[in-house]
mmCIF file of all heavy atoms, coordinates in Angstrom:
data_MODEL
# 
_entry.id   MODEL 
# 
loop_
_atom_site.group_PDB 
_atom_site.id 
_atom_site.type_symbol 
_atom_site.label_atom_id 
_atom_site.label_alt_id 
_atom_site.label_comp_id 
_atom_site.label_asym_id 
_atom_site.label_entity_id 
_atom_site.label_seq_id 
_atom_site.pdbx_PDB_ins_code 
_atom_site.Cartn_x 
_atom_site.Cartn_y 
_atom_site.Cartn_z 
_atom_site.occupancy 
_atom_site.B_iso_or_equiv 
_atom_site.pdbx_formal_charge 
_atom_site.auth_seq_id 
_atom_site.auth_comp_id 
_atom_site.auth_asym_id 
_atom_site.auth_atom_id 
_atom_site.pdbx_PDB_model_num 
ATOM 1   N N   . THR A 1 1  ? 26.435 162.555 -130.234 1.00 0.00 ? 1  THR A N   1 
ATOM 2   C CA  . THR A 1 1  ? 25.850 162.150 -128.967 1.00 0.00 ? 1  THR A CA  1 
ATOM 3   C C   . THR A 1 1  ? 25.880 163.262 -127.989 1.00 0.00 ? 1  THR A C   1 
ATOM 4   O O   . THR A 1 1  ? 26.768 164.101 -127.980 1.00 0.00 ? 1  THR A O   1 
ATOM 5   C CB  . THR A 1 1  ? 26.566 160.958 -128.323 1.00 0.00 ? 1  THR A CB  1 
ATOM 6   O OG1 . THR A 1 1  ? 27.969 161.287 -128.194 1.00 0.00 ? 1  THR A OG1 1 
ATOM 7   C CG2 . THR A 1 1  ? 26.503 159.726 -129.356 1.00 0.00 ? 1  THR A CG2 1 
ATOM 8   N N   . ASN A 1 2  ? 24.887 163.308 -127.124 1.00 0.00 ? 2  ASN A N   1 
ATOM 9   C CA  . ASN A 1 2  ? 24.746 164.341 -126.111 1.00 0.00 ? 2  ASN A CA  1 
ATOM 10  C C   . ASN A 1 2  ? 24.244 163.721 -124.839 1.00 0.00 ? 2  ASN A C   1 
ATOM 11  O O   . ASN A 1 2  ? 23.667 162.587 -124.838 1.00 0.00 ? 2  ASN A O   1 
ATOM 12  C CB  . ASN A 1 2  ? 23.785 165.526 -126.503 1.00 0.00 ? 2  ASN A CB  1 
ATOM 13  C CG  . ASN A 1 2  ? 24.364 166.305 -127.719 1.00 0.00 ? 2  ASN A CG  1 
ATOM 14  O OD1 . ASN A 1 2  ? 25.416 166.968 -127.636 1.00 0.00 ? 2  ASN A OD1 1 
ATOM 15  N ND2 . ASN A 1 2  ? 23.704 166.183 -128.857 1.00 0.00 ? 2  ASN A ND2 1 
ATOM 16  N N   . THR A 1 3  ? 24.359 164.380 -123.783 1.00 0.00 ? 3  THR A N   1 
ATOM 17  C CA  . THR A 1 3  ? 23.790 163.937 -122.448 1.00 0.00 ? 3  THR A CA  1 
ATOM 18  C C   . THR A 1 3  ? 22.712 164.868 -122.061 1.00 0.00 ? 3  THR A C   1 
ATOM 19  O O   . THR A 1 3  ? 22.947 166.129 -121.974 1.00 0.00 ? 3  THR A O   1 
ATOM 20  C CB  . THR A 1 3  ? 24.850 163.902 -121.334 1.00 0.00 ? 3  THR A CB  1 
ATOM 21  O OG1 . THR A 1 3  ? 25.889 162.992 -121.864 1.00 0.00 ? 3  THR A OG1 1 
ATOM 22  C CG2 . THR A 1 3  ? 24.328 163.360 -120.062 1.00 0.00 ? 3  THR A CG2 1 
ATOM 23  N N   . PRO A 1 4  ? 21.441 164.398 -121.781 1.00 0.00 ? 4  PRO A N   1 
ATOM 24  C CA  . PRO A 1 4  ? 20.407 165.368 -121.426 1.00 0.00 ? 4  PRO A CA  1 
ATOM 25  C C   . PRO A 1 4  ? 20.667 166.008 -120.111 1.00 0.00 ? 4  PRO A C   1 
ATOM 26  O O   . PRO A 1 4  ? 21.278 165.438 -119.157 1.00 0.00 ? 4  PRO A O   1 
ATOM 27  C CB  . PRO A 1 4  ? 19.182 164.477 -121.336 1.00 0.00 ? 4  PRO A CB  1 
ATOM 28  C CG  . PRO A 1 4  ? 19.812 163.058 -121.066 1.00 0.00 ? 4  PRO A CG  1 
ATOM 29  C CD  . PRO A 1 4  ? 21.117 163.019 -121.769 1.00 0.00 ? 4  PRO A CD  1 
ATOM 30  N N   . ASP A 1 5  ? 20.342 167.333 -120.002 1.00 0.00 ? 5  ASP A N   1 
ATOM 31  C CA  . ASP A 1 5  ? 20.405 168.031 -118.720 1.00 0.00 ? 5  ASP A CA  1 
ATOM 32  C C   . ASP A 1 5  ? 19.100 167.842 -117.910 1.00 0.00 ? 5  ASP A C   1 
ATOM 33  O O   . ASP A 1 5  ? 18.011 167.802 -118.594 1.00 0.00 ? 5  ASP A O   1 
ATOM 34  C CB  . ASP A 1 5  ? 20.714 169.519 -118.903 1.00 0.00 ? 5  ASP A CB  1 
ATOM 35  C CG  . ASP A 1 5  ? 22.123 169.633 -119.632 1.00 0.00 ? 5  ASP A CG  1 
ATOM 36  O OD1 . ASP A 1 5  ? 23.002 168.917 -119.199 1.00 0.00 ? 5  ASP A OD1 1 
ATOM 37  O OD2 . ASP A 1 5  ? 22.240 170.578 -120.472 1.00 0.00 ? 5  ASP A OD2 1 
ATOM 38  N N   . ASN A 1 6  ? 19.120 168.003 -116.698 1.00 0.00 ? 6  ASN A N   1 
ATOM 39  C CA  . ASN A 1 6  ? 18.026 167.970 -115.853 1.00 0.00 ? 6  ASN A CA  1 
ATOM 40  C C   . ASN A 1 6  ? 17.224 169.317 -115.904 1.00 0.00 ? 6  ASN A C   1 
ATOM 41  O O   . ASN A 1 6  ? 17.851 170.371 -115.980 1.00 0.00 ? 6  ASN A O   1 
ATOM 42  C CB  . ASN A 1 6  ? 18.244 167.610 -114.427 1.00 0.00 ? 6  ASN A CB  1 
ATOM 43  C CG  . ASN A 1 6  ? 18.561 166.104 -114.261 1.00 0.00 ? 6  ASN A CG  1 
ATOM 44  O OD1 . ASN A 1 6  ? 19.675 165.719 -114.384 1.00 0.00 ? 6  ASN A OD1 1 
ATOM 45  N ND2 . ASN A 1 6  ? 17.599 165.295 -114.104 1.00 0.00 ? 6  ASN A ND2 1 
ATOM 46  N N   . LEU A 1 7  ? 15.881 169.235 -115.856 1.00 0.00 ? 7  LEU A N   1 
ATOM 47  C CA  . LEU A 1 7  ? 15.105 170.519 -115.850 1.00 0.00 ? 7  LEU A CA  1 
ATOM 48  C C   . LEU A 1 7  ? 15.359 171.284 -114.589 1.00 0.00 ? 7  LEU A C   1 
ATOM 49  O O   . LEU A 1 7  ? 15.662 170.697 -113.552 1.00 0.00 ? 7  LEU A O   1 
ATOM 50  C CB  . LEU A 1 7  ? 13.629 170.181 -115.848 1.00 0.00 ? 7  LEU A CB  1 
ATOM 51  C CG  . LEU A 1 7  ? 13.096 169.640 -117.201 1.00 0.00 ? 7  LEU A CG  1 
ATOM 52  C CD1 . LEU A 1 7  ? 11.563 169.196 -117.053 1.00 0.00 ? 7  LEU A CD1 1 
ATOM 53  C CD2 . LEU A 1 7  ? 13.205 170.671 -118.338 1.00 0.00 ? 7  LEU A CD2 1 
ATOM 54  N N   . GLY A 1 8  ? 15.194 172.569 -114.637 1.00 0.00 ? 8  GLY A N   1 
ATOM 55  C CA  . GLY A 1 8  ? 15.152 173.374 -113.456 1.00 0.00 ? 8  GLY A CA  1 
ATOM 56  C C   . GLY A 1 8  ? 13.873 173.086 -112.668 1.00 0.00 ? 8  GLY A C   1 
ATOM 57  O O   . GLY A 1 8  ? 12.944 172.511 -113.136 1.00 0.00 ? 8  GLY A O   1 
ATOM 58  N N   . ASN A 1 9  ? 13.846 173.634 -111.388 1.00 0.00 ? 9  ASN A N   1 
ATOM 59  C CA  . ASN A 1 9  ? 12.704 173.448 -110.563 1.00 0.00 ? 9  ASN A CA  1 
ATOM 60  C C   . ASN A 1 9  ? 12.410 174.651 -109.787 1.00 0.00 ? 9  ASN A C   1 
ATOM 61  O O   . ASN A 1 9  ? 13.307 175.190 -109.146 1.00 0.00 ? 9  ASN A O   1 
ATOM 62  C CB  . ASN A 1 9  ? 12.956 172.208 -109.585 1.00 0.00 ? 9  ASN A CB  1 
ATOM 63  C CG  . ASN A 1 9  ? 11.632 171.848 -108.859 1.00 0.00 ? 9  ASN A CG  1 
ATOM 64  O OD1 . ASN A 1 9  ? 10.849 171.093 -109.451 1.00 0.00 ? 9  ASN A OD1 1 
ATOM 65  N ND2 . ASN A 1 9  ? 11.538 172.282 -107.658 1.00 0.00 ? 9  ASN A ND2 1 
ATOM 66  N N   . ASN A 1 10 ? 11.200 175.138 -109.882 1.00 0.00 ? 10 ASN A N   1 
ATOM 67  C CA  . ASN A 1 10 ? 10.743 176.356 -109.163 1.00 0.00 ? 10 ASN A CA  1 
ATOM 68  C C   . ASN A 1 10 ? 9.652  176.087 -108.168 1.00 0.00 ? 10 ASN A C   1 
ATOM 69  O O   . ASN A 1 10 ? 8.663  175.374 -108.545 1.00 0.00 ? 10 ASN A O   1 
ATOM 70  C CB  . ASN A 1 10 ? 10.286 177.447 -110.126 1.00 0.00 ? 10 ASN A CB  1 
ATOM 71  C CG  . ASN A 1 10 ? 11.465 177.960 -110.987 1.00 0.00 ? 10 ASN A CG  1 
ATOM 72  O OD1 . ASN A 1 10 ? 12.440 178.500 -110.449 1.00 0.00 ? 10 ASN A OD1 1 
ATOM 73  N ND2 . ASN A 1 10 ? 11.393 177.751 -112.250 1.00 0.00 ? 10 ASN A ND2 1 
ATOM 74  N N   . VAL A 1 11 ? 9.792  176.495 -106.926 1.00 0.00 ? 11 VAL A N   1 
ATOM 75  C CA  . VAL A 1 11 ? 8.815  176.243 -105.879 1.00 0.00 ? 11 VAL A CA  1 
ATOM 76  C C   . VAL A 1 11 ? 8.026  177.483 -105.587 1.00 0.00 ? 11 VAL A C   1 
ATOM 77  O O   . VAL A 1 11 ? 8.679  178.556 -105.396 1.00 0.00 ? 11 VAL A O   1 
ATOM 78  C CB  . VAL A 1 11 ? 9.529  175.739 -104.610 1.00 0.00 ? 11 VAL A CB  1 
ATOM 79  C CG1 . VAL A 1 11 ? 8.465  175.505 -103.509 1.00 0.00 ? 11 VAL A CG1 1 
ATOM 80  C CG2 . VAL A 1 11 ? 10.240 174.494 -104.860 1.00 0.00 ? 11 VAL A CG2 1 
ATOM 81  N N   . SER A 1 12 ? 6.777  177.428 -105.712 1.00 0.00 ? 12 SER A N   1 
ATOM 82  C CA  . SER A 1 12 ? 5.920  178.580 -105.386 1.00 0.00 ? 12 SER A CA  1 
ATOM 83  C C   . SER A 1 12 ? 5.880  178.676 -103.874 1.00 0.00 ? 12 SER A C   1 
ATOM 84  O O   . SER A 1 12 ? 5.326  177.861 -103.151 1.00 0.00 ? 12 SER A O   1 
ATOM 85  C CB  . SER A 1 12 ? 4.518  178.333 -105.884 1.00 0.00 ? 12 SER A CB  1 
ATOM 86  O OG  . SER A 1 12 ? 3.658  179.450 -105.544 1.00 0.00 ? 12 SER A OG  1 
ATOM 87  N N   . THR A 1 13 ? 6.489  179.661 -103.338 1.00 0.00 ? 13 THR A N   1 
ATOM 88  C CA  . THR A 1 13 ? 6.709  179.894 -101.904 1.00 0.00 ? 13 THR A CA  1 
ATOM 89  C C   . THR A 1 13 ? 5.934  181.149 -101.382 1.00 0.00 ? 13 THR A C   1 
ATOM 90  O O   . THR A 1 13 ? 6.060  182.170 -101.933 1.00 0.00 ? 13 THR A O   1 
ATOM 91  C CB  . THR A 1 13 ? 8.207  180.149 -101.598 1.00 0.00 ? 13 THR A CB  1 
ATOM 92  O OG1 . THR A 1 13 ? 8.934  179.058 -102.164 1.00 0.00 ? 13 THR A OG1 1 
ATOM 93  C CG2 . THR A 1 13 ? 8.390  180.203 -100.081 1.00 0.00 ? 13 THR A CG2 1 
ATOM 94  N N   . THR A 1 14 ? 5.074  180.902 -100.413 1.00 0.00 ? 14 THR A N   1 
ATOM 95  C CA  . THR A 1 14 ? 4.282  181.938 -99.840  1.00 0.00 ? 14 THR A CA  1 
ATOM 96  C C   . THR A 1 14 ? 4.840  182.496 -98.546  1.00 0.00 ? 14 THR A C   1 
ATOM 97  O O   . THR A 1 14 ? 4.908  181.712 -97.603  1.00 0.00 ? 14 THR A O   1 
ATOM 98  C CB  . THR A 1 14 ? 2.845  181.520 -99.596  1.00 0.00 ? 14 THR A CB  1 
ATOM 99  O OG1 . THR A 1 14 ? 2.259  181.009 -100.834 1.00 0.00 ? 14 THR A OG1 1 
ATOM 100 C CG2 . THR A 1 14 ? 1.939  182.684 -99.106  1.00 0.00 ? 14 THR A CG2 1 
ATOM 101 N N   . TYR A 1 15 ? 5.240  183.779 -98.490  1.00 0.00 ? 15 TYR A N   1 
ATOM 102 C CA  . TYR A 1 15 ? 5.725  184.403 -97.338  1.00 0.00 ? 15 TYR A CA  1 
ATOM 103 C C   . TYR A 1 15 ? 4.606  185.239 -96.684  1.00 0.00 ? 15 TYR A C   1 
ATOM 104 O O   . TYR A 1 15 ? 3.885  185.901 -97.333  1.00 0.00 ? 15 TYR A O   1 
ATOM 105 C CB  . TYR A 1 15 ? 6.900  185.331 -97.662  1.00 0.00 ? 15 TYR A CB  1 
ATOM 106 C CG  . TYR A 1 15 ? 8.104  184.576 -98.184  1.00 0.00 ? 15 TYR A CG  1 
ATOM 107 C CD1 . TYR A 1 15 ? 8.268  184.305 -99.523  1.00 0.00 ? 15 TYR A CD1 1 
ATOM 108 C CD2 . TYR A 1 15 ? 9.183  184.364 -97.345  1.00 0.00 ? 15 TYR A CD2 1 
ATOM 109 C CE1 . TYR A 1 15 ? 9.348  183.724 -99.983  1.00 0.00 ? 15 TYR A CE1 1 
ATOM 110 C CE2 . TYR A 1 15 ? 10.308 183.784 -97.819  1.00 0.00 ? 15 TYR A CE2 1 
ATOM 111 C CZ  . TYR A 1 15 ? 10.414 183.445 -99.114  1.00 0.00 ? 15 TYR A CZ  1 
ATOM 112 O OH  . TYR A 1 15 ? 11.568 182.906 -99.684  1.00 0.00 ? 15 TYR A OH  1 
ATOM 113 N N   . ARG A 1 16 ? 4.507  185.193 -95.407  1.00 0.00 ? 16 ARG A N   1 
ATOM 114 C CA  . ARG A 1 16 ? 3.541  185.969 -94.686  1.00 0.00 ? 16 ARG A CA  1 
ATOM 115 C C   . ARG A 1 16 ? 4.227  186.973 -93.731  1.00 0.00 ? 16 ARG A C   1 
ATOM 116 O O   . ARG A 1 16 ? 5.020  186.526 -92.798  1.00 0.00 ? 16 ARG A O   1 
ATOM 117 C CB  . ARG A 1 16 ? 2.608  185.079 -93.828  1.00 0.00 ? 16 ARG A CB  1 
ATOM 118 C CG  . ARG A 1 16 ? 1.565  185.832 -92.978  1.00 0.00 ? 16 ARG A CG  1 
ATOM 119 C CD  . ARG A 1 16 ? 0.481  184.928 -92.505  1.00 0.00 ? 16 ARG A CD  1 
ATOM 120 N NE  . ARG A 1 16 ? -0.375 184.665 -93.628  1.00 0.00 ? 16 ARG A NE  1 
ATOM 121 C CZ  . ARG A 1 16 ? -1.534 183.788 -93.533  1.00 0.00 ? 16 ARG A CZ  1 
ATOM 122 N NH1 . ARG A 1 16 ? -1.835 183.306 -92.377  1.00 0.00 ? 16 ARG A NH1 1 
ATOM 123 N NH2 . ARG A 1 16 ? -2.157 183.513 -94.575  1.00 0.00 ? 16 ARG A NH2 1 
ATOM 124 N N   . THR A 1 17 ? 3.955  188.249 -93.960  1.00 0.00 ? 17 THR A N   1 
ATOM 125 C CA  . THR A 1 17 ? 4.427  189.326 -93.038  1.00 0.00 ? 17 THR A CA  1 
ATOM 126 C C   . THR A 1 17 ? 3.272  189.660 -92.082  1.00 0.00 ? 17 THR A C   1 
ATOM 127 O O   . THR A 1 17 ? 2.163  189.939 -92.515  1.00 0.00 ? 17 THR A O   1 
ATOM 128 C CB  . THR A 1 17 ? 4.856  190.561 -93.852  1.00 0.00 ? 17 THR A CB  1 
ATOM 129 O OG1 . THR A 1 17 ? 6.010  190.278 -94.586  1.00 0.00 ? 17 THR A OG1 1 
ATOM 130 C CG2 . THR A 1 17 ? 5.203  191.676 -92.873  1.00 0.00 ? 17 THR A CG2 1 
ATOM 131 N N   . GLU A 1 18 ? 3.515  189.663 -90.781  1.00 0.00 ? 18 GLU A N   1 
ATOM 132 C CA  . GLU A 1 18 ? 2.493  190.126 -89.830  1.00 0.00 ? 18 GLU A CA  1 
ATOM 133 C C   . GLU A 1 18 ? 3.021  191.317 -89.070  1.00 0.00 ? 18 GLU A C   1 
ATOM 134 O O   . GLU A 1 18 ? 4.212  191.374 -88.731  1.00 0.00 ? 18 GLU A O   1 
ATOM 135 C CB  . GLU A 1 18 ? 2.141  188.978 -88.824  1.00 0.00 ? 18 GLU A CB  1 
ATOM 136 C CG  . GLU A 1 18 ? 1.433  187.853 -89.481  1.00 0.00 ? 18 GLU A CG  1 
ATOM 137 C CD  . GLU A 1 18 ? 0.875  186.782 -88.563  1.00 0.00 ? 18 GLU A CD  1 
ATOM 138 O OE1 . GLU A 1 18 ? -0.083 187.186 -87.904  1.00 0.00 ? 18 GLU A OE1 1 
ATOM 139 O OE2 . GLU A 1 18 ? 1.357  185.683 -88.573  1.00 0.00 ? 18 GLU A OE2 1 
ATOM 140 N N   . LEU A 1 19 ? 2.155  192.286 -88.796  1.00 0.00 ? 19 LEU A N   1 
ATOM 141 C CA  . LEU A 1 19 ? 2.554  193.503 -88.086  1.00 0.00 ? 19 LEU A CA  1 
ATOM 142 C C   . LEU A 1 19 ? 1.603  193.728 -86.917  1.00 0.00 ? 19 LEU A C   1 
ATOM 143 O O   . LEU A 1 19 ? 0.341  193.759 -87.116  1.00 0.00 ? 19 LEU A O   1 
ATOM 144 C CB  . LEU A 1 19 ? 2.513  194.698 -89.065  1.00 0.00 ? 19 LEU A CB  1 
ATOM 145 C CG  . LEU A 1 19 ? 2.605  196.078 -88.453  1.00 0.00 ? 19 LEU A CG  1 
ATOM 146 C CD1 . LEU A 1 19 ? 3.930  196.238 -87.746  1.00 0.00 ? 19 LEU A CD1 1 
ATOM 147 C CD2 . LEU A 1 19 ? 2.411  197.110 -89.606  1.00 0.00 ? 19 LEU A CD2 1 
ATOM 148 N N   . SER A 1 20 ? 2.171  193.981 -85.785  1.00 0.00 ? 20 SER A N   1 
ATOM 149 C CA  . SER A 1 20 ? 1.276  194.346 -84.620  1.00 0.00 ? 20 SER A CA  1 
ATOM 150 C C   . SER A 1 20 ? 1.926  195.416 -83.839  1.00 0.00 ? 20 SER A C   1 
ATOM 151 O O   . SER A 1 20 ? 3.165  195.611 -83.832  1.00 0.00 ? 20 SER A O   1 
ATOM 152 C CB  . SER A 1 20 ? 1.061  193.096 -83.745  1.00 0.00 ? 20 SER A CB  1 
ATOM 153 O OG  . SER A 1 20 ? 2.311  192.601 -83.211  1.00 0.00 ? 20 SER A OG  1 
ATOM 154 N N   . ILE A 1 21 ? 1.101  196.250 -83.061  1.00 0.00 ? 21 ILE A N   1 
ATOM 155 C CA  . ILE A 1 21 ? 1.536  197.318 -82.277  1.00 0.00 ? 21 ILE A CA  1 
ATOM 156 C C   . ILE A 1 21 ? 1.128  196.995 -80.833  1.00 0.00 ? 21 ILE A C   1 
ATOM 157 O O   . ILE A 1 21 ? -0.051 196.833 -80.586  1.00 0.00 ? 21 ILE A O   1 
ATOM 158 C CB  . ILE A 1 21 ? 1.055  198.654 -82.721  1.00 0.00 ? 21 ILE A CB  1 
ATOM 159 C CG1 . ILE A 1 21 ? 1.217  198.840 -84.214  1.00 0.00 ? 21 ILE A CG1 1 
ATOM 160 C CG2 . ILE A 1 21 ? 1.659  199.786 -81.929  1.00 0.00 ? 21 ILE A CG2 1 
ATOM 161 C CD1 . ILE A 1 21 ? 2.659  199.069 -84.636  1.00 0.00 ? 21 ILE A CD1 1 
ATOM 162 N N   . GLU A 1 22 ? 2.085  197.052 -79.862  1.00 0.00 ? 22 GLU A N   1 
ATOM 163 C CA  . GLU A 1 22 ? 1.786  196.865 -78.493  1.00 0.00 ? 22 GLU A CA  1 
ATOM 164 C C   . GLU A 1 22 ? 1.933  198.122 -77.672  1.00 0.00 ? 22 GLU A C   1 
ATOM 165 O O   . GLU A 1 22 ? 2.803  198.897 -78.010  1.00 0.00 ? 22 GLU A O   1 
ATOM 166 C CB  . GLU A 1 22 ? 2.547  195.658 -77.886  1.00 0.00 ? 22 GLU A CB  1 
ATOM 167 C CG  . GLU A 1 22 ? 2.397  194.363 -78.530  1.00 0.00 ? 22 GLU A CG  1 
ATOM 168 C CD  . GLU A 1 22 ? 1.075  193.760 -78.398  1.00 0.00 ? 22 GLU A CD  1 
ATOM 169 O OE1 . GLU A 1 22 ? 0.433  194.029 -77.297  1.00 0.00 ? 22 GLU A OE1 1 
ATOM 170 O OE2 . GLU A 1 22 ? 0.630  192.985 -79.180  1.00 0.00 ? 22 GLU A OE2 1 
ATOM 171 N N   . ASN A 1 23 ? 1.191  198.284 -76.615  1.00 0.00 ? 23 ASN A N   1 
ATOM 172 C CA  . ASN A 1 23 ? 1.255  199.423 -75.686  1.00 0.00 ? 23 ASN A CA  1 
ATOM 173 C C   . ASN A 1 23 ? 1.177  200.792 -76.465  1.00 0.00 ? 23 ASN A C   1 
ATOM 174 O O   . ASN A 1 23 ? 1.915  201.714 -76.232  1.00 0.00 ? 23 ASN A O   1 
ATOM 175 C CB  . ASN A 1 23 ? 2.613  199.343 -74.933  1.00 0.00 ? 23 ASN A CB  1 
ATOM 176 C CG  . ASN A 1 23 ? 2.763  198.068 -74.149  1.00 0.00 ? 23 ASN A CG  1 
ATOM 177 O OD1 . ASN A 1 23 ? 1.714  197.628 -73.525  1.00 0.00 ? 23 ASN A OD1 1 
ATOM 178 N ND2 . ASN A 1 23 ? 3.910  197.517 -74.210  1.00 0.00 ? 23 ASN A ND2 1 
ATOM 179 N N   . LEU A 1 24 ? 0.183  200.836 -77.392  1.00 0.00 ? 24 LEU A N   1 
ATOM 180 C CA  . LEU A 1 24 ? 0.069  201.984 -78.276  1.00 0.00 ? 24 LEU A CA  1 
ATOM 181 C C   . LEU A 1 24 ? -0.534 203.183 -77.453  1.00 0.00 ? 24 LEU A C   1 
ATOM 182 O O   . LEU A 1 24 ? -1.484 203.048 -76.744  1.00 0.00 ? 24 LEU A O   1 
ATOM 183 C CB  . LEU A 1 24 ? -0.922 201.669 -79.388  1.00 0.00 ? 24 LEU A CB  1 
ATOM 184 C CG  . LEU A 1 24 ? -1.326 202.751 -80.332  1.00 0.00 ? 24 LEU A CG  1 
ATOM 185 C CD1 . LEU A 1 24 ? -0.102 203.326 -81.076  1.00 0.00 ? 24 LEU A CD1 1 
ATOM 186 C CD2 . LEU A 1 24 ? -2.259 202.293 -81.309  1.00 0.00 ? 24 LEU A CD2 1 
ATOM 187 N N   . GLU A 1 25 ? 0.183  204.300 -77.665  1.00 0.00 ? 25 GLU A N   1 
ATOM 188 C CA  . GLU A 1 25 ? -0.415 205.590 -77.053  1.00 0.00 ? 25 GLU A CA  1 
ATOM 189 C C   . GLU A 1 25 ? -0.416 206.565 -78.198  1.00 0.00 ? 25 GLU A C   1 
ATOM 190 O O   . GLU A 1 25 ? 0.490  206.704 -79.075  1.00 0.00 ? 25 GLU A O   1 
ATOM 191 C CB  . GLU A 1 25 ? 0.481  206.110 -75.958  1.00 0.00 ? 25 GLU A CB  1 
ATOM 192 C CG  . GLU A 1 25 ? 0.536  205.259 -74.703  1.00 0.00 ? 25 GLU A CG  1 
ATOM 193 C CD  . GLU A 1 25 ? 1.334  205.842 -73.580  1.00 0.00 ? 25 GLU A CD  1 
ATOM 194 O OE1 . GLU A 1 25 ? 1.526  207.068 -73.550  1.00 0.00 ? 25 GLU A OE1 1 
ATOM 195 O OE2 . GLU A 1 25 ? 1.750  205.104 -72.692  1.00 0.00 ? 25 GLU A OE2 1 
ATOM 196 N N   . LEU A 1 26 ? -1.518 207.320 -78.257  1.00 0.00 ? 26 LEU A N   1 
ATOM 197 C CA  . LEU A 1 26 ? -1.752 208.354 -79.327  1.00 0.00 ? 26 LEU A CA  1 
ATOM 198 C C   . LEU A 1 26 ? -1.523 209.672 -78.797  1.00 0.00 ? 26 LEU A C   1 
ATOM 199 O O   . LEU A 1 26 ? -1.593 209.922 -77.573  1.00 0.00 ? 26 LEU A O   1 
ATOM 200 C CB  . LEU A 1 26 ? -3.144 208.183 -79.896  1.00 0.00 ? 26 LEU A CB  1 
ATOM 201 C CG  . LEU A 1 26 ? -3.513 206.767 -80.403  1.00 0.00 ? 26 LEU A CG  1 
ATOM 202 C CD1 . LEU A 1 26 ? -4.942 206.711 -80.792  1.00 0.00 ? 26 LEU A CD1 1 
ATOM 203 C CD2 . LEU A 1 26 ? -2.671 206.429 -81.578  1.00 0.00 ? 26 LEU A CD2 1 
# 
C-alpha cells in the first residue's frame, strides 16, 4: 500500500520592467 502524493504546481508569472529618464541633459 502507498499514499499518493500531490502534484506540484507552477504558475506562469509575467514580470514587467519599466525604465524612464527624467530631467535628461545631453
